[in-house]
Amino acid sequence: MKKIHPSLRAIDDLECCIISIGEPTLVDCARSIIMQTYLPAHRYTVFNVSPLNESINAYHSKMQRKYSIKVDADFILHGDCFERLYETMLEKGDEYYCVSGLVEDPFFGPIGGIHLYRTEYVKDFTMPDRIGCDRLLDAEMRSRGHRFHEIQTVLAEHHVNGKWESVFARYFRAGQKHLFYKVCHRHEDYIKNMGKKWLEGDHLAFIGLCGYALGLFTPDDKEKGLGFAKKEIGEMSILIKKGIMPLRREQ
């Protein structure tokens, strides 16, 4: 197949959607999209829709083109991200509902994150209010006979909000999700990566590690809203102020 260069025209059957709740990286994320080697013909944003499952439902309702890429607003994309996803989907064929690329998380390392969907397969799916939207969608698609492929290459960077409260809440939620599904293939890598960064003096890695560990012991089966983890953040704040939780390892 002859590749289409963006200086000639956009990819007619490709669109992308940014999912945002007001992240400070939204402008940089959008800029990384317009710098892609393959440009989507249609771009739009789902903004401030909560909880997460409802933002996904809003995204599904807006899908128009044959292929659709979902981009979280705290992702900064590599220049060939869309090209890699699009070309891989064409190679894989009609069996596949989704092709995914890895995202480099500052504490977890490489994680699954950026997805290109075949619109006709996922548009009619209504996401229920249950933790782990990607896993729910995957289970439904597989039950319909469709397949998923993950490219083992980092295609974007995940920029975490630098406030300790945001870091704690994000990794607390990750721990809850892994507890709910009883499986995480990269669990040991996550622990090692956060521990290593803490030992190197990154206090936010310690906060993330605390949040992740607490999440593994805090059951929840619903999706999060914008006021998520206020109680746990308040308790963590008290411990930090009292000096019970060190922000960095003593040398």
Protein backbone atom coordinates (compact mmCIF):
# COMPACT_ATOMS: atom_id res chain seq x y z
CA MET A 1 0.00 0.00 0.00
CA LYS A 2 1.30 3.47 -0.88
CA LYS A 3 1.72 5.61 2.21
CA ILE A 4 0.03 9.01 2.35
CA HIS A 5 2.21 11.91 3.40
CA PRO A 6 0.41 14.50 5.57
CA SER A 7 1.71 17.37 3.46
CA LEU A 8 -0.55 16.07 0.66
CA ARG A 9 -3.69 15.31 2.66
CA ALA A 10 -4.98 13.86 5.88
CA ILE A 11 -5.89 10.20 6.25
CA ASP A 12 -9.54 10.26 5.19
CA ASP A 13 -10.73 7.28 7.23
CA LEU A 14 -8.84 8.21 10.42
CA GLU A 15 -9.99 10.35 13.35
CA CYS A 16 -8.75 11.00 16.87
CA CYS A 17 -10.36 12.03 20.13
CA ILE A 18 -8.67 13.61 23.14
CA ILE A 19 -10.19 12.60 26.49
CA SER A 20 -9.59 15.45 28.96
CA ILE A 21 -10.59 16.57 32.44
CA GLY A 22 -8.54 19.75 32.22
CA GLU A 23 -5.00 18.36 32.35
CA PRO A 24 -2.29 21.04 32.09
CA THR A 25 -0.76 19.07 29.20
CA LEU A 26 -3.83 19.38 26.97
CA VAL A 27 -2.28 22.00 24.65
CA ASP A 28 0.98 20.03 24.34
CA CYS A 29 -1.00 16.86 23.65
CA ALA A 30 -2.96 18.59 20.87
CA ARG A 31 0.28 19.98 19.43
CA SER A 32 1.79 16.49 19.31
CA ILE A 33 -1.24 15.35 17.29
CA ILE A 34 -0.87 17.99 14.59
CA MET A 35 2.83 17.06 14.28
CA GLN A 36 2.05 13.45 13.35
CA THR A 37 3.43 11.89 10.18
CA TYR A 38 -0.14 10.66 9.56
CA LEU A 39 -2.76 13.32 10.26
CA PRO A 40 -6.35 12.34 11.14
CA ALA A 41 -9.02 13.88 8.93
CA HIS A 42 -11.19 14.61 11.98
CA ARG A 43 -10.18 15.68 15.50
CA TYR A 44 -12.38 16.34 18.53
CA THR A 45 -12.32 16.39 22.34
CA VAL A 46 -14.46 14.88 25.08
CA PHE A 47 -14.00 17.41 27.89
CA ASN A 48 -14.86 17.18 31.60
CA VAL A 49 -17.14 14.14 31.35
CA SER A 50 -17.04 12.00 34.49
CA PRO A 51 -16.84 9.23 35.62
CA LEU A 52 -14.49 7.58 33.14
CA ASN A 53 -17.01 5.13 31.71
CA GLU A 54 -19.28 8.05 30.74
CA SER A 55 -16.41 9.81 28.97
CA ILE A 56 -15.83 6.61 26.98
CA ASN A 57 -19.54 6.43 26.13
CA ALA A 58 -19.43 10.07 24.96
CA TYR A 59 -16.41 9.17 22.81
CA HIS A 60 -18.17 6.18 21.25
CA SER A 61 -21.20 8.33 20.41
CA LYS A 62 -19.01 10.81 18.49
CA MET A 63 -17.13 8.26 16.39
CA GLN A 64 -17.48 8.88 12.63
CA ARG A 65 -14.51 7.54 10.64
CA LYS A 66 -13.57 3.93 9.98
CA TYR A 67 -10.63 4.09 12.41
CA SER A 68 -10.54 6.09 15.61
CA ILE A 69 -7.66 6.79 18.01
CA LYS A 70 -8.32 7.60 21.68
CA VAL A 71 -5.70 9.89 23.24
CA ASP A 72 -5.59 10.80 26.93
CA ALA A 73 -4.81 14.50 27.41
CA ASP A 74 -1.72 13.72 29.51
CA PHE A 75 -0.09 11.81 26.62
CA ILE A 76 2.55 13.48 24.45
CA LEU A 77 2.80 11.46 21.24
CA HIS A 78 5.88 10.44 19.31
CA GLY A 79 5.82 11.77 15.74
CA ASP A 80 5.11 8.40 14.11
CA CYS A 81 2.54 7.21 16.68
CA PHE A 82 -0.54 7.40 14.43
CA GLU A 83 1.38 6.01 11.47
CA ARG A 84 2.47 2.94 13.45
CA LEU A 85 -1.02 2.30 14.78
CA TYR A 86 -2.74 2.83 11.43
CA GLU A 87 -0.36 0.73 9.35
CA THR A 88 -0.42 -2.08 11.91
CA MET A 89 -4.20 -2.17 11.87
CA LEU A 90 -4.19 -2.42 8.07
CA GLU A 91 -1.71 -5.28 8.27
CA LYS A 92 -3.73 -7.14 10.92
CA GLY A 93 -7.03 -6.96 9.07
CA ASP A 94 -10.71 -7.28 9.87
CA GLU A 95 -10.33 -9.73 12.78
CA TYR A 96 -8.93 -6.96 14.97
CA TYR A 97 -11.05 -4.45 16.84
CA CYS A 98 -8.04 -2.61 18.29
CA VAL A 99 -4.31 -2.00 17.90
CA SER A 100 -2.54 -0.50 20.90
CA GLY A 101 0.86 1.11 21.51
CA LEU A 102 2.86 1.41 24.73
CA VAL A 103 3.13 4.64 26.68
CA GLU A 104 6.15 5.45 28.87
CA ASP A 105 4.89 6.16 32.37
CA PRO A 106 7.35 8.05 34.64
CA PHE A 107 6.88 5.60 37.52
CA PHE A 108 5.47 2.38 36.05
CA GLY A 109 7.63 2.34 32.93
CA PRO A 110 6.06 1.11 29.64
CA ILE A 111 2.32 0.52 29.98
CA GLY A 112 -0.54 -0.13 27.58
CA GLY A 113 -2.16 3.14 26.73
CA ILE A 114 -2.89 4.50 23.25
CA HIS A 115 -5.50 2.70 21.17
CA LEU A 116 -6.69 2.71 17.57
CA TYR A 117 -10.17 1.19 17.22
CA ARG A 118 -12.14 -0.15 14.31
CA THR A 119 -15.19 2.06 14.80
CA GLU A 120 -17.86 -0.29 13.53
CA TYR A 121 -16.93 -2.87 16.18
CA VAL A 122 -16.92 -0.65 19.29
CA LYS A 123 -19.27 2.27 18.57
CA ASP A 124 -22.40 0.46 19.77
CA PHE A 125 -20.86 -0.71 23.06
CA THR A 126 -22.11 1.11 26.17
CA MET A 127 -19.49 1.09 28.91
CA PRO A 128 -20.98 0.11 32.29
CA ASP A 129 -20.00 1.78 35.55
CA ARG A 130 -17.29 -0.69 36.51
CA ILE A 131 -13.60 -0.28 37.15
CA GLY A 132 -11.26 -1.05 34.24
CA CYS A 133 -12.93 0.21 31.05
CA ASP A 134 -10.29 -1.18 28.67
CA ARG A 135 -10.61 -4.66 30.16
CA LEU A 136 -14.40 -4.58 29.95
CA LEU A 137 -14.31 -3.55 26.30
CA ASP A 138 -11.72 -6.22 25.51
CA ALA A 139 -13.84 -8.95 27.12
CA GLU A 140 -16.90 -7.86 25.12
CA MET A 141 -15.01 -7.67 21.82
CA ARG A 142 -13.43 -11.09 22.33
CA SER A 143 -16.87 -12.55 23.07
CA ARG A 144 -17.89 -11.27 19.62
CA GLY A 145 -14.91 -12.97 17.97
CA HIS A 146 -12.70 -9.89 17.55
CA ARG A 147 -9.01 -9.64 18.46
CA PHE A 148 -6.58 -7.19 20.07
CA HIS A 149 -2.93 -6.49 19.21
CA GLU A 150 -0.37 -4.57 21.25
CA ILE A 151 2.67 -3.10 19.52
CA GLN A 152 5.66 -3.68 21.81
CA THR A 153 7.03 -0.20 21.16
CA VAL A 154 6.66 3.02 23.16
CA LEU A 155 4.67 5.47 21.02
CA ALA A 156 3.97 8.23 23.57
CA GLU A 157 5.04 9.68 26.91
CA HIS A 158 2.69 9.88 29.88
CA HIS A 159 3.13 13.21 31.71
CA VAL A 160 1.90 12.88 35.28
CA ASN A 161 0.52 15.94 37.06
CA GLY A 162 3.34 17.00 39.38
CA LYS A 163 1.12 17.54 42.43
CA TRP A 164 1.58 14.78 44.98
CA GLU A 165 -2.19 14.47 45.44
CA SER A 166 -2.65 13.65 41.73
CA VAL A 167 0.20 11.13 41.78
CA PHE A 168 -1.18 9.42 44.88
CA ALA A 169 -4.72 9.22 43.46
CA ARG A 170 -3.60 7.89 40.06
CA TYR A 171 -1.52 5.02 41.43
CA PHE A 172 -4.00 4.30 44.21
CA ARG A 173 -6.55 3.72 41.44
CA ALA A 174 -4.14 1.48 39.53
CA GLY A 175 -3.75 -0.66 42.64
CA GLN A 176 -7.53 -0.91 43.02
CA LYS A 177 -7.91 -2.02 39.41
CA HIS A 178 -5.25 -4.70 39.76
CA LEU A 179 -6.92 -5.90 42.98
CA PHE A 180 -10.33 -6.11 41.28
CA TYR A 181 -9.10 -8.15 38.32
CA LYS A 182 -6.70 -10.28 40.40
CA VAL A 183 -4.06 -10.12 37.68
CA CYS A 184 -1.48 -7.68 36.36
CA HIS A 185 1.28 -9.02 34.13
CA ARG A 186 3.54 -6.05 34.86
CA HIS A 187 2.91 -5.83 38.63
CA GLU A 188 6.49 -6.67 39.67
CA ASP A 189 7.90 -4.23 37.11
CA TYR A 190 5.70 -1.46 38.52
CA ILE A 191 6.91 -2.06 42.07
CA LYS A 192 10.55 -2.24 40.99
CA ASN A 193 10.34 0.91 38.85
CA MET A 194 8.73 3.02 41.57
CA GLY A 195 11.06 1.64 44.25
CA LYS A 196 14.12 2.33 42.10
CA LYS A 197 13.07 5.93 41.46
CA TRP A 198 12.40 6.49 45.15
CA LEU A 199 15.85 5.16 46.04
CA GLU A 200 17.25 7.61 43.49
CA GLY A 201 15.61 10.46 45.43
CA ASP A 202 12.30 10.93 43.61
CA HIS A 203 9.82 11.68 46.40
CA LEU A 204 6.82 11.52 44.04
CA ALA A 205 7.73 7.92 43.25
CA PHE A 206 7.43 7.18 46.97
CA ILE A 207 3.99 8.84 47.04
CA GLY A 208 2.95 6.79 43.99
CA LEU A 209 4.23 3.61 45.60
CA CYS A 210 2.24 4.33 48.76
CA GLY A 211 -0.89 4.96 46.71
CA TYR A 212 -0.44 1.80 44.66
CA ALA A 213 0.13 -0.34 47.77
CA LEU A 214 -2.95 1.11 49.51
CA GLY A 215 -5.04 0.49 46.38
CA LEU A 216 -4.13 -3.19 46.49
CA PHE A 217 -5.91 -3.38 49.87
CA THR A 218 -8.87 -1.07 49.11
CA PRO A 219 -11.59 -2.85 47.09
CA ASP A 220 -13.75 -0.85 44.68
CA ASP A 221 -15.66 -1.95 41.59
CA LYS A 222 -16.97 1.41 40.29
CA GLU A 223 -15.40 3.96 37.99
CA LYS A 224 -13.91 7.12 39.49
CA GLY A 225 -15.38 10.61 39.49
CA LEU A 226 -13.57 13.95 39.66
CA GLY A 227 -13.59 13.94 43.49
CA PHE A 228 -11.97 10.54 43.65
CA ALA A 229 -9.81 9.52 46.66
CA LYS A 230 -10.41 12.68 48.74
CA LYS A 231 -10.56 10.65 51.97
CA GLU A 232 -7.35 8.76 51.25
CA ILE A 233 -5.53 11.92 50.11
CA GLY A 234 -6.57 13.66 53.33
CA GLU A 235 -5.22 10.82 55.44
CA MET A 236 -1.95 10.80 53.46
CA SER A 237 -1.63 14.57 53.93
CA ILE A 238 -1.85 14.20 57.70
CA LEU A 239 0.88 11.56 57.71
CA ILE A 240 3.16 13.74 55.58
CA LYS A 241 2.62 16.81 57.78
CA LYS A 242 3.41 14.80 60.90
CA GLY A 243 6.60 13.55 59.28
CA ILE A 244 5.49 9.91 59.55
CA MET A 245 5.78 9.41 55.79
CA PRO A 246 9.24 10.49 54.51
CA LEU A 247 9.24 12.21 51.14
CA ARG A 248 12.61 10.74 50.23
CA ARG A 249 14.87 7.98 51.39
CA GLU A 250 17.51 9.03 53.92
CA GLN A 251 21.01 8.77 52.52
